[in-house]
Amino acid sequence: MKQAYVKGTDLRIVGTLEQIPGCAFVNGFDSCGQPVYSGDTEVWWNGQQTETDPGNNRPIYVDQNLETRGANEIELRDA
């Protein structure tokens, strides 16, 4: 198996950027019509989708410092 790193560094890629839908529950609405949140959110894991670069539709990666990286910024190395 190979590992991915940011080119020219020892920063390892640890994941992909994901969008996860959910429902942030509200208790009601204030006088301006803004929601008053209860503090609970239900995450809908079945709707999870990997974010992609709009230019090439390739995944957006996350390095060990939690910085996002494009596919053109990474290189694969032997583990």
N, C-alpha and C. Protein backbone atom coordinates (compact mmCIF):
# COMPACT_ATOMS: atom_id res chain seq x y z
N MET A 1 0.84 -1.18 0.00
CA MET A 1 0.00 0.00 0.00
C MET A 1 0.89 1.24 0.00
N LYS A 2 0.42 2.28 -0.64
CA LYS A 2 1.15 3.55 -0.69
C LYS A 2 0.47 4.56 0.23
N GLN A 3 1.22 5.60 0.57
CA GLN A 3 0.69 6.73 1.33
C GLN A 3 0.82 7.97 0.46
N ALA A 4 -0.07 8.93 0.67
CA ALA A 4 -0.02 10.18 -0.07
C ALA A 4 0.56 11.26 0.82
N TYR A 5 1.39 12.11 0.21
CA TYR A 5 2.03 13.23 0.90
C TYR A 5 1.90 14.48 0.05
N VAL A 6 1.97 15.64 0.69
CA VAL A 6 2.04 16.89 -0.04
C VAL A 6 3.40 16.90 -0.72
N LYS A 7 3.41 17.17 -2.01
CA LYS A 7 4.65 17.13 -2.79
C LYS A 7 5.76 17.92 -2.11
N GLY A 8 6.94 17.30 -2.05
CA GLY A 8 8.12 17.97 -1.54
C GLY A 8 8.15 18.17 -0.03
N THR A 9 7.21 17.53 0.70
CA THR A 9 7.17 17.67 2.16
C THR A 9 6.97 16.30 2.79
N ASP A 10 6.96 16.28 4.11
CA ASP A 10 6.62 15.07 4.85
C ASP A 10 5.22 15.15 5.44
N LEU A 11 4.40 16.09 4.93
CA LEU A 11 3.01 16.22 5.38
C LEU A 11 2.17 15.12 4.73
N ARG A 12 1.64 14.23 5.55
CA ARG A 12 0.86 13.11 5.05
C ARG A 12 -0.60 13.52 4.81
N ILE A 13 -1.19 12.96 3.78
CA ILE A 13 -2.62 13.14 3.52
C ILE A 13 -3.37 12.16 4.43
N VAL A 14 -4.33 12.69 5.20
CA VAL A 14 -5.03 11.86 6.18
C VAL A 14 -6.50 11.62 5.83
N GLY A 15 -7.00 12.29 4.77
CA GLY A 15 -8.40 12.07 4.43
C GLY A 15 -8.84 12.90 3.24
N THR A 16 -10.14 12.87 3.02
CA THR A 16 -10.76 13.68 1.97
C THR A 16 -11.75 14.64 2.63
N LEU A 17 -11.99 15.75 1.98
CA LEU A 17 -12.96 16.73 2.48
C LEU A 17 -14.35 16.22 2.16
N GLU A 18 -15.23 16.18 3.15
CA GLU A 18 -16.57 15.63 3.00
C GLU A 18 -17.65 16.65 3.35
N GLN A 19 -18.77 16.52 2.70
CA GLN A 19 -19.97 17.28 3.05
C GLN A 19 -20.97 16.28 3.61
N ILE A 20 -21.52 16.59 4.78
CA ILE A 20 -22.46 15.68 5.43
C ILE A 20 -23.73 16.46 5.76
N PRO A 21 -24.86 16.10 5.13
CA PRO A 21 -26.09 16.83 5.44
C PRO A 21 -26.63 16.45 6.81
N GLY A 22 -27.45 17.31 7.33
CA GLY A 22 -28.07 17.06 8.62
C GLY A 22 -29.17 18.06 8.91
N CYS A 23 -29.80 17.87 10.04
CA CYS A 23 -30.86 18.77 10.48
C CYS A 23 -30.48 19.36 11.82
N ALA A 24 -30.29 20.69 11.87
CA ALA A 24 -30.05 21.41 13.12
C ALA A 24 -31.41 21.79 13.67
N PHE A 25 -31.78 21.18 14.79
CA PHE A 25 -33.12 21.38 15.35
C PHE A 25 -33.29 22.77 15.96
N VAL A 26 -34.48 23.34 15.80
CA VAL A 26 -34.80 24.65 16.33
C VAL A 26 -35.89 24.53 17.39
N ASN A 27 -35.84 25.43 18.37
CA ASN A 27 -36.89 25.51 19.39
C ASN A 27 -38.00 26.45 18.97
N GLY A 28 -37.67 27.35 18.05
CA GLY A 28 -38.62 28.34 17.58
C GLY A 28 -37.86 29.41 16.82
N PHE A 29 -38.48 30.59 16.72
CA PHE A 29 -37.89 31.69 15.95
C PHE A 29 -37.99 32.97 16.75
N ASP A 30 -36.96 33.81 16.64
CA ASP A 30 -36.96 35.07 17.38
C ASP A 30 -37.82 36.11 16.67
N SER A 31 -37.84 37.33 17.21
CA SER A 31 -38.71 38.39 16.67
C SER A 31 -38.31 38.83 15.27
N CYS A 32 -37.09 38.53 14.85
CA CYS A 32 -36.63 38.87 13.49
C CYS A 32 -36.82 37.71 12.52
N GLY A 33 -37.40 36.62 13.00
CA GLY A 33 -37.63 35.47 12.15
C GLY A 33 -36.44 34.53 12.02
N GLN A 34 -35.41 34.75 12.87
CA GLN A 34 -34.23 33.89 12.83
C GLN A 34 -34.43 32.68 13.74
N PRO A 35 -33.95 31.51 13.30
CA PRO A 35 -34.13 30.32 14.13
C PRO A 35 -33.38 30.41 15.45
N VAL A 36 -33.98 29.87 16.50
CA VAL A 36 -33.34 29.70 17.80
C VAL A 36 -33.05 28.21 17.92
N TYR A 37 -31.77 27.87 17.82
CA TYR A 37 -31.39 26.46 17.78
C TYR A 37 -31.41 25.81 19.15
N SER A 38 -31.77 24.55 19.18
CA SER A 38 -31.82 23.79 20.43
C SER A 38 -30.44 23.28 20.83
N GLY A 39 -29.52 23.22 19.88
CA GLY A 39 -28.19 22.72 20.16
C GLY A 39 -27.97 21.30 19.68
N ASP A 40 -29.00 20.66 19.16
CA ASP A 40 -28.88 19.29 18.66
C ASP A 40 -28.93 19.28 17.14
N THR A 41 -28.11 18.42 16.55
CA THR A 41 -28.11 18.23 15.10
C THR A 41 -28.12 16.75 14.80
N GLU A 42 -29.00 16.33 13.92
CA GLU A 42 -29.02 14.95 13.44
C GLU A 42 -28.26 14.91 12.12
N VAL A 43 -27.24 14.08 12.06
CA VAL A 43 -26.42 13.95 10.85
C VAL A 43 -26.97 12.80 10.02
N TRP A 44 -27.10 13.04 8.72
CA TRP A 44 -27.61 12.03 7.81
C TRP A 44 -26.43 11.43 7.04
N TRP A 45 -25.80 10.41 7.65
CA TRP A 45 -24.57 9.82 7.12
C TRP A 45 -24.75 9.24 5.72
N ASN A 46 -25.92 8.77 5.38
CA ASN A 46 -26.13 8.18 4.05
C ASN A 46 -26.04 9.23 2.94
N GLY A 47 -26.05 10.49 3.28
CA GLY A 47 -25.94 11.55 2.28
C GLY A 47 -24.52 12.10 2.12
N GLN A 48 -23.55 11.49 2.82
CA GLN A 48 -22.17 11.96 2.78
C GLN A 48 -21.62 11.94 1.36
N GLN A 49 -20.94 13.04 0.97
CA GLN A 49 -20.35 13.14 -0.36
C GLN A 49 -18.97 13.77 -0.26
N THR A 50 -18.04 13.23 -1.05
CA THR A 50 -16.69 13.77 -1.10
C THR A 50 -16.70 15.04 -1.93
N GLU A 51 -16.09 16.11 -1.38
CA GLU A 51 -15.96 17.36 -2.12
C GLU A 51 -14.94 17.17 -3.24
N THR A 52 -15.22 17.76 -4.39
CA THR A 52 -14.31 17.66 -5.51
C THR A 52 -13.93 19.03 -6.04
N ASP A 53 -12.79 19.08 -6.69
CA ASP A 53 -12.31 20.30 -7.33
C ASP A 53 -13.17 20.56 -8.55
N PRO A 54 -13.83 21.72 -8.64
CA PRO A 54 -14.72 21.98 -9.77
C PRO A 54 -14.01 21.95 -11.12
N GLY A 55 -12.70 22.20 -11.14
CA GLY A 55 -11.97 22.24 -12.40
C GLY A 55 -11.70 20.88 -13.00
N ASN A 56 -11.54 19.86 -12.13
CA ASN A 56 -11.20 18.55 -12.67
C ASN A 56 -11.98 17.40 -12.04
N ASN A 57 -12.90 17.71 -11.16
CA ASN A 57 -13.77 16.72 -10.53
C ASN A 57 -12.99 15.65 -9.76
N ARG A 58 -11.81 15.99 -9.25
CA ARG A 58 -11.02 15.06 -8.44
C ARG A 58 -11.20 15.42 -6.97
N PRO A 59 -11.06 14.43 -6.07
CA PRO A 59 -11.27 14.70 -4.65
C PRO A 59 -10.37 15.80 -4.11
N ILE A 60 -10.88 16.51 -3.11
CA ILE A 60 -10.07 17.46 -2.35
C ILE A 60 -9.58 16.71 -1.12
N TYR A 61 -8.27 16.74 -0.91
CA TYR A 61 -7.65 15.98 0.17
C TYR A 61 -7.37 16.88 1.37
N VAL A 62 -7.13 16.24 2.54
CA VAL A 62 -6.83 16.95 3.78
C VAL A 62 -5.52 16.40 4.32
N ASP A 63 -4.57 17.31 4.64
CA ASP A 63 -3.29 16.86 5.17
C ASP A 63 -3.34 16.78 6.70
N GLN A 64 -2.25 16.34 7.30
CA GLN A 64 -2.23 16.11 8.75
C GLN A 64 -2.37 17.40 9.56
N ASN A 65 -2.21 18.56 8.93
CA ASN A 65 -2.47 19.84 9.60
C ASN A 65 -3.89 20.34 9.35
N LEU A 66 -4.70 19.48 8.74
CA LEU A 66 -6.11 19.76 8.41
C LEU A 66 -6.25 20.86 7.37
N GLU A 67 -5.24 21.02 6.52
CA GLU A 67 -5.28 21.94 5.38
C GLU A 67 -5.76 21.17 4.16
N THR A 68 -6.60 21.81 3.34
CA THR A 68 -7.09 21.14 2.14
C THR A 68 -6.05 21.22 1.03
N ARG A 69 -6.02 20.17 0.21
CA ARG A 69 -5.04 20.06 -0.87
C ARG A 69 -5.72 19.50 -2.12
N GLY A 70 -5.34 20.05 -3.27
CA GLY A 70 -5.82 19.52 -4.53
C GLY A 70 -5.02 18.30 -4.94
N ALA A 71 -5.57 17.50 -5.85
CA ALA A 71 -4.91 16.29 -6.31
C ALA A 71 -3.55 16.60 -6.94
N ASN A 72 -3.41 17.77 -7.53
CA ASN A 72 -2.14 18.15 -8.16
C ASN A 72 -1.06 18.48 -7.13
N GLU A 73 -1.41 18.57 -5.85
CA GLU A 73 -0.46 18.90 -4.79
C GLU A 73 0.08 17.67 -4.08
N ILE A 74 -0.40 16.49 -4.43
CA ILE A 74 0.02 15.30 -3.67
C ILE A 74 0.83 14.35 -4.54
N GLU A 75 1.59 13.50 -3.83
CA GLU A 75 2.35 12.44 -4.49
C GLU A 75 2.23 11.18 -3.64
N LEU A 76 2.24 10.04 -4.31
CA LEU A 76 2.16 8.75 -3.63
C LEU A 76 3.57 8.23 -3.39
N ARG A 77 3.77 7.64 -2.20
CA ARG A 77 5.06 7.06 -1.83
C ARG A 77 4.80 5.68 -1.24
N ASP A 78 5.81 4.82 -1.31
CA ASP A 78 5.70 3.51 -0.67
C ASP A 78 5.60 3.70 0.83
N ALA A 79 4.77 2.88 1.44
CA ALA A 79 4.57 2.96 2.90
C ALA A 79 5.77 2.45 3.65
